[in-house]
Amino acid sequence: MVEVEVRNVNKTFGNFKASDNVSFEIERGKLIGLLGPSGSGKTTILRMIAGLETPDSGEIYIGGRKVNDLPPGERGIGFLFQSYALFKHMTVFENIAFGLTVQKKSDAEIKSRVEELAELIGLKNFTRRYPLQLSVAFARALAPNPELLLLDEPFAAIDAKVRQELRGWLKKTIHQLGITAIFVTHDQDEAVEVADEIIITNRGRIEQAGVPIEIYQAPKTPFVAKFIGESVQVADYTIFKGFEDYEPHEGILRPEFLEIGATIEEMPQPMPVTTEKGIIRGTYFRGSVIQIDIEVKGQLLRGLQGVGDNMTKKYSSDVLIIGDWSICVN
């Protein structure tokens, strides 16, 4: 069942086209990542759904109800801002209860709902303390029982290690609640790890939407191919073996599509038709893998080698590259 529908929405700020005929649907209970570079229009989409911006044209539906003319408080949404916007002079209990107080719920209803959410986020015994964390802002956004939860760069203000832990917590909690949620991010790793589906924005348009693995393996546009994952842009991939019969064209080559060996004898299944000789131009330690930059026929390519692999001890200036040569054609 569709929970959110955006139809042919346009929004312009001066000469800047923030949303250019944007359309998409979101099914109920899905956790969706709005992913794109700065200025791509993702936050504008979120703010229009929330009612904080008004579309120049087009329609927005939440739960089958057109909400274009409804104020934010009547749209049935919870909004988690990037800054969290917590009231530092209020306790955890008072922050979570804020929306319910505005709705003039009874003291008994407020107490019951706050205790329920405090237990959900693991702060049952800390409701009288003063907050400085994502979980409290999350609980406050959920307190009024919204149909839809919107999160604007929820991990932006958190250090890397804590961010990694909170990604799993957020996804698990949202799925446990069964609520529909949309979060904005410019971090592709974050989107791939957290989102059920991703909507990629660029220059005010939707480039592609789908599950993360589908987008990664089958990008539909050159922008998506370059933006998702690590890749090297090849001006003309017909210079490599195996592509001589193709028309000259630009391509995208990902590191995992290269298999690297010091000599042809070391390769498990040598494939001369796609084997090229290259020169190592740099090796870089990346934790669990070593990045290897290799020049082949004047083109600098990038491959990865496991730290535990024998190859890490056998670097030389002369290597062989055997590749699957999976290319996204421009």
Protein backbone atom coordinates (compact mmCIF):
# COMPACT_ATOMS: atom_id res chain seq x y z
CA MET A 1 0.00 0.00 0.00
CA VAL A 2 1.35 3.43 -0.97
CA GLU A 3 1.93 5.75 2.00
CA VAL A 4 3.59 8.70 0.23
CA GLU A 5 3.09 9.85 -3.34
CA VAL A 6 4.80 12.83 -4.96
CA ARG A 7 3.38 13.77 -8.37
CA ASN A 8 5.13 16.10 -10.83
CA VAL A 9 6.38 18.45 -8.13
CA ASN A 10 8.33 21.57 -9.06
CA LYS A 11 10.03 24.09 -6.81
CA THR A 12 12.20 27.07 -7.77
CA PHE A 13 14.18 29.42 -5.57
CA GLY A 14 14.98 32.45 -7.71
CA ASN A 15 16.83 31.04 -10.73
CA PHE A 16 17.60 27.75 -8.98
CA LYS A 17 15.44 24.74 -9.88
CA ALA A 18 15.41 22.75 -6.64
CA SER A 19 12.77 20.23 -7.80
CA ASP A 20 12.23 19.53 -11.48
CA ASN A 21 9.08 17.51 -12.17
CA VAL A 22 9.77 15.12 -9.28
CA SER A 23 7.56 12.01 -8.98
CA PHE A 24 7.86 8.89 -6.82
CA GLU A 25 5.89 6.56 -4.54
CA ILE A 26 6.80 5.06 -1.16
CA GLU A 27 5.12 1.96 0.20
CA ARG A 28 3.87 1.83 3.77
CA GLY A 29 6.44 0.57 6.29
CA LYS A 30 9.47 1.25 4.07
CA LEU A 31 12.59 3.07 5.21
CA ILE A 32 13.68 5.25 2.29
CA GLY A 33 16.96 7.08 1.79
CA LEU A 34 16.96 10.33 -0.20
CA LEU A 35 20.54 10.36 -1.44
CA GLY A 36 22.40 12.94 -3.46
CA PRO A 37 25.17 15.52 -3.46
CA SER A 38 24.76 18.97 -1.92
CA GLY A 39 22.29 21.06 -3.90
CA SER A 40 20.67 18.07 -5.58
CA GLY A 41 17.20 18.81 -4.18
CA LYS A 42 16.83 16.07 -1.56
CA THR A 43 16.23 18.35 1.43
CA THR A 44 13.76 20.45 -0.56
CA ILE A 45 11.73 17.31 -1.28
CA LEU A 46 11.72 16.40 2.41
CA ARG A 47 10.67 19.90 3.46
CA MET A 48 7.83 19.98 0.91
CA ILE A 49 6.52 16.64 2.20
CA ALA A 50 6.72 18.07 5.72
CA GLY A 51 4.90 21.25 4.73
CA LEU A 52 7.86 23.50 5.51
CA GLU A 53 8.09 24.48 1.82
CA THR A 54 5.26 24.87 -0.69
CA PRO A 55 5.59 23.36 -4.21
CA ASP A 56 5.19 25.74 -7.14
CA SER A 57 3.20 22.97 -8.84
CA GLY A 58 2.43 19.29 -8.41
CA GLU A 59 0.75 17.25 -5.70
CA ILE A 60 1.83 15.49 -2.51
CA TYR A 61 -0.21 12.71 -0.88
CA ILE A 62 0.30 11.12 2.54
CA GLY A 63 -1.84 8.10 3.37
CA GLY A 64 -3.97 8.77 0.28
CA ARG A 65 -4.77 12.32 1.42
CA LYS A 66 -3.62 15.36 -0.56
CA VAL A 67 -1.65 17.55 1.84
CA ASN A 68 -0.55 20.50 -0.31
CA ASP A 69 -2.76 22.94 1.58
CA LEU A 70 -2.38 21.39 5.04
CA PRO A 71 -0.05 22.95 7.64
CA PRO A 72 2.74 20.73 9.02
CA GLY A 73 0.85 20.00 12.24
CA GLU A 74 -2.04 18.43 10.35
CA ARG A 75 -0.05 16.14 8.05
CA GLY A 76 0.50 13.31 10.53
CA ILE A 77 4.28 13.49 10.35
CA GLY A 78 7.18 13.42 12.80
CA PHE A 79 10.25 15.45 11.86
CA LEU A 80 13.78 14.90 13.15
CA PHE A 81 15.98 17.87 12.29
CA GLN A 82 19.70 17.65 11.61
CA SER A 83 20.43 19.67 14.73
CA TYR A 84 17.90 17.53 16.69
CA ALA A 85 16.47 20.84 18.04
CA LEU A 86 16.25 19.40 21.55
CA PHE A 87 15.32 21.70 24.41
CA LYS A 88 18.43 21.56 26.57
CA HIS A 89 16.62 23.12 29.53
CA MET A 90 14.11 20.25 29.47
CA THR A 91 14.63 16.72 30.70
CA VAL A 92 14.43 13.64 28.50
CA PHE A 93 10.84 13.15 29.68
CA GLU A 94 9.86 16.75 28.88
CA ASN A 95 11.47 16.65 25.44
CA ILE A 96 9.68 13.45 24.44
CA ALA A 97 6.41 14.77 25.86
CA PHE A 98 6.63 18.11 24.03
CA GLY A 99 4.49 17.18 21.02
CA LEU A 100 1.91 15.49 23.20
CA THR A 101 1.71 18.58 25.40
CA VAL A 102 1.07 20.74 22.33
CA GLN A 103 -1.72 18.31 21.40
CA LYS A 104 -3.11 18.80 24.93
CA LYS A 105 -3.08 15.11 25.79
CA SER A 106 -3.93 14.13 29.35
CA ASP A 107 -1.17 13.67 31.92
CA ALA A 108 -1.88 9.95 32.01
CA GLU A 109 -1.62 9.62 28.21
CA ILE A 110 1.62 11.61 28.15
CA LYS A 111 3.19 9.57 30.96
CA SER A 112 2.24 6.27 29.33
CA ARG A 113 3.53 7.23 25.86
CA VAL A 114 6.78 8.72 27.16
CA GLU A 115 7.52 5.64 29.27
CA GLU A 116 6.80 3.41 26.27
CA LEU A 117 9.21 5.33 24.03
CA ALA A 118 11.87 5.75 26.71
CA GLU A 119 11.97 1.98 27.09
CA LEU A 120 12.13 1.56 23.30
CA ILE A 121 15.21 3.80 23.00
CA GLY A 122 16.90 2.38 26.10
CA LEU A 123 16.45 5.41 28.37
CA LYS A 124 13.78 4.11 30.73
CA ASN A 125 15.83 4.96 33.82
CA PHE A 126 17.12 8.31 32.54
CA THR A 127 13.97 10.33 31.80
CA ARG A 128 14.83 12.95 34.43
CA ARG A 129 18.22 13.70 32.92
CA TYR A 130 18.98 16.36 30.32
CA PRO A 131 19.39 15.17 26.71
CA LEU A 132 22.17 15.49 24.15
CA GLN A 133 21.52 12.57 21.83
CA LEU A 134 19.79 11.31 18.72
CA SER A 135 17.65 8.74 20.51
CA VAL A 136 15.79 11.41 22.50
CA ALA A 137 15.04 13.49 19.41
CA PHE A 138 13.90 10.30 17.69
CA ALA A 139 11.53 9.45 20.53
CA ARG A 140 10.15 13.00 20.59
CA ALA A 141 9.36 12.82 16.86
CA LEU A 142 7.55 9.51 17.42
CA ALA A 143 5.57 10.58 20.48
CA PRO A 144 2.48 11.92 18.64
CA ASN A 145 2.15 8.60 16.71
CA PRO A 146 2.88 10.04 13.24
CA GLU A 147 1.99 8.19 10.06
CA LEU A 148 5.29 9.25 8.52
CA LEU A 149 8.72 9.99 10.02
CA LEU A 150 11.08 12.41 8.25
CA LEU A 151 14.77 12.63 9.20
CA ASP A 152 17.12 15.30 7.84
CA GLU A 153 20.77 14.10 7.93
CA PRO A 154 20.18 12.33 11.29
CA PHE A 155 23.80 11.19 11.71
CA ALA A 156 25.58 14.34 10.53
CA ALA A 157 26.51 15.64 13.98
CA ILE A 158 27.79 12.30 15.32
CA ASP A 159 31.36 10.99 15.23
CA ALA A 160 32.15 8.08 12.91
CA LYS A 161 32.29 5.25 15.47
CA VAL A 162 29.02 6.16 17.19
CA ARG A 163 27.39 6.80 13.81
CA GLN A 164 28.13 3.22 12.75
CA GLU A 165 26.41 1.84 15.86
CA LEU A 166 23.38 4.15 15.53
CA ARG A 167 22.72 3.20 11.90
CA GLY A 168 21.81 -0.35 12.90
CA TRP A 169 19.83 0.87 15.90
CA LEU A 170 17.76 3.28 13.80
CA LYS A 171 16.94 0.73 11.11
CA LYS A 172 16.00 -1.95 13.64
CA THR A 173 13.81 0.42 15.64
CA ILE A 174 11.94 1.82 12.64
CA HIS A 175 11.23 -1.67 11.32
CA GLN A 176 10.12 -2.74 14.78
CA LEU A 177 7.62 0.13 14.86
CA GLY A 178 6.43 -0.54 11.31
CA ILE A 179 6.39 3.17 10.52
CA THR A 180 7.13 4.67 7.09
CA ALA A 181 10.28 6.79 7.20
CA ILE A 182 12.33 8.97 4.83
CA PHE A 183 15.81 10.16 5.68
CA VAL A 184 18.05 12.57 3.79
CA THR A 185 21.76 11.85 3.45
CA HIS A 186 24.70 12.64 1.18
CA ASP A 187 26.60 9.60 2.49
CA GLN A 188 26.17 6.63 0.14
CA ASP A 189 27.50 4.12 2.69
CA GLU A 190 24.90 5.33 5.16
CA ALA A 191 22.10 5.06 2.58
CA VAL A 192 23.12 1.57 1.45
CA GLU A 193 23.37 0.28 5.03
CA VAL A 194 20.21 1.82 6.47
CA ALA A 195 17.65 2.21 3.67
CA ASP A 196 15.30 -0.45 2.30
CA GLU A 197 15.22 1.56 -0.91
CA ILE A 198 17.14 4.57 -2.18
CA ILE A 199 15.98 7.55 -4.24
CA ILE A 200 18.95 9.30 -5.88
CA THR A 201 18.61 13.01 -6.64
CA ASN A 202 20.68 15.20 -8.93
CA ARG A 203 20.08 18.78 -10.05
CA GLY A 204 16.49 18.69 -8.85
CA ARG A 205 15.62 15.44 -10.63
CA ILE A 206 15.23 11.80 -9.63
CA GLU A 207 18.04 9.87 -11.31
CA GLN A 208 17.07 6.40 -10.09
CA ALA A 209 15.09 4.66 -7.34
CA GLY A 210 15.32 1.08 -6.11
CA VAL A 211 16.91 -1.28 -3.61
CA PRO A 212 20.60 -0.58 -2.93
CA ILE A 213 22.00 -3.69 -4.61
CA GLU A 214 19.96 -3.06 -7.75
CA ILE A 215 21.21 0.52 -8.01
CA TYR A 216 24.81 -0.54 -7.43
CA GLN A 217 24.79 -3.41 -9.90
CA ALA A 218 22.58 -1.83 -12.57
CA PRO A 219 22.92 1.97 -12.58
CA LYS A 220 20.58 3.51 -15.15
CA THR A 221 22.45 6.77 -15.75
CA PRO A 222 26.11 7.82 -15.95
CA PHE A 223 25.59 10.01 -12.87
CA VAL A 224 24.41 7.07 -10.75
CA ALA A 225 27.27 4.89 -11.98
CA LYS A 226 29.79 7.52 -10.93
CA PHE A 227 28.05 8.54 -7.70
CA ILE A 228 27.37 5.10 -6.21
CA GLY A 229 30.40 3.08 -5.20
CA GLU A 230 34.03 3.78 -5.99
CA SER A 231 34.89 3.82 -9.66
CA VAL A 232 37.28 5.05 -12.31
CA GLN A 233 35.99 6.86 -15.37
CA VAL A 234 37.45 5.47 -18.61
CA ALA A 235 37.28 7.84 -21.57
CA ASP A 236 37.29 4.98 -24.13
CA TYR A 237 37.00 1.41 -22.89
CA THR A 238 37.63 -0.06 -26.38
CA ILE A 239 41.36 0.38 -25.78
CA PHE A 240 41.23 -2.73 -23.57
CA LYS A 241 41.17 -6.33 -24.76
CA GLY A 242 37.72 -7.79 -25.16
CA PHE A 243 36.11 -4.56 -26.36
CA GLU A 244 37.73 -4.08 -29.74
CA ASP A 245 34.45 -4.71 -31.58
CA TYR A 246 32.51 -2.06 -29.65
CA GLU A 247 31.99 1.58 -30.59
CA PRO A 248 34.37 3.96 -28.76
CA HIS A 249 32.60 5.02 -25.60
CA GLU A 250 33.10 6.23 -22.05
CA GLY A 251 32.79 3.64 -19.28
CA ILE A 252 32.90 3.20 -15.52
CA LEU A 253 35.18 0.56 -14.00
CA ARG A 254 34.85 -0.46 -10.34
CA PRO A 255 37.83 -1.83 -8.33
CA GLU A 256 36.17 -5.19 -7.64
CA PHE A 257 35.95 -5.87 -11.39
CA LEU A 258 39.73 -6.23 -11.57
CA GLU A 259 41.60 -9.38 -10.60
CA ILE A 260 45.27 -8.75 -9.98
CA GLY A 261 48.22 -11.16 -10.16
CA ALA A 262 51.98 -10.71 -10.15
CA THR A 263 52.47 -13.22 -12.97
CA ILE A 264 50.17 -15.07 -15.36
CA GLU A 265 51.03 -18.33 -13.60
CA GLU A 266 49.49 -17.05 -10.37
CA MET A 267 46.09 -16.45 -11.90
CA PRO A 268 43.67 -19.34 -11.22
CA GLN A 269 41.98 -19.24 -14.64
CA PRO A 270 43.98 -17.07 -17.05
CA MET A 271 41.82 -15.42 -19.71
CA PRO A 272 44.16 -13.96 -22.35
CA VAL A 273 41.26 -12.29 -24.11
CA THR A 274 40.77 -9.92 -21.16
CA THR A 275 44.30 -9.86 -19.76
CA GLU A 276 46.37 -6.70 -19.88
CA LYS A 277 49.81 -5.77 -18.59
CA GLY A 278 50.11 -2.68 -16.42
CA ILE A 279 52.41 -0.75 -14.13
CA ILE A 280 51.70 -0.18 -10.44
CA ARG A 281 51.65 3.54 -9.73
CA GLY A 282 50.72 3.40 -6.05
CA THR A 283 49.56 1.17 -3.19
CA TYR A 284 47.51 2.44 -0.27
CA PHE A 285 46.53 0.70 2.96
CA ARG A 286 42.76 0.91 3.48
CA GLY A 287 42.31 -1.25 6.58
CA SER A 288 40.99 -4.64 5.44
CA VAL A 289 42.18 -4.11 1.85
CA ILE A 290 45.03 -2.50 -0.05
CA GLN A 291 44.14 -0.15 -2.88
CA ILE A 292 46.34 -0.63 -5.93
CA ASP A 293 46.53 2.06 -8.62
CA ILE A 294 47.65 0.57 -11.94
CA GLU A 295 48.35 2.25 -15.25
CA VAL A 296 47.16 0.26 -18.25
CA LYS A 297 47.59 1.66 -21.76
CA GLY A 298 47.83 5.18 -20.36
CA GLN A 299 44.68 4.80 -18.24
CA LEU A 300 45.00 4.81 -14.44
CA LEU A 301 42.81 2.05 -12.98
CA ARG A 302 42.13 1.06 -9.39
CA GLY A 303 41.94 -2.42 -7.86
CA LEU A 304 41.67 -3.89 -4.37
CA GLN A 305 43.64 -6.70 -2.75
CA GLY A 306 42.91 -8.36 0.58
CA VAL A 307 45.50 -7.63 3.26
CA GLY A 308 45.92 -11.35 3.90
CA ASP A 309 46.41 -12.26 0.24
CA ASN A 310 49.83 -13.37 -0.96
CA MET A 311 49.83 -10.59 -3.50
CA THR A 312 50.39 -8.01 -0.76
CA LYS A 313 53.93 -9.38 -0.42
CA LYS A 314 54.67 -9.58 -4.13
CA TYR A 315 54.21 -6.11 -5.53
CA SER A 316 56.40 -5.30 -8.47
CA SER A 317 56.33 -2.72 -11.22
CA ASP A 318 55.00 -5.28 -13.67
CA VAL A 319 51.58 -6.87 -13.09
CA LEU A 320 48.86 -8.63 -15.00
CA ILE A 321 45.24 -7.57 -14.79
CA ILE A 322 42.44 -10.00 -15.42
CA GLY A 323 39.03 -8.41 -15.27
CA ASP A 324 35.34 -9.18 -15.51
CA TRP A 325 35.24 -5.82 -17.31
CA SER A 326 31.74 -4.97 -16.16
CA ILE A 327 31.20 -1.50 -17.60
CA CYS A 328 28.35 0.95 -17.27
CA VAL A 329 28.09 2.56 -20.70
CA ASN A 330 27.47 6.27 -20.89
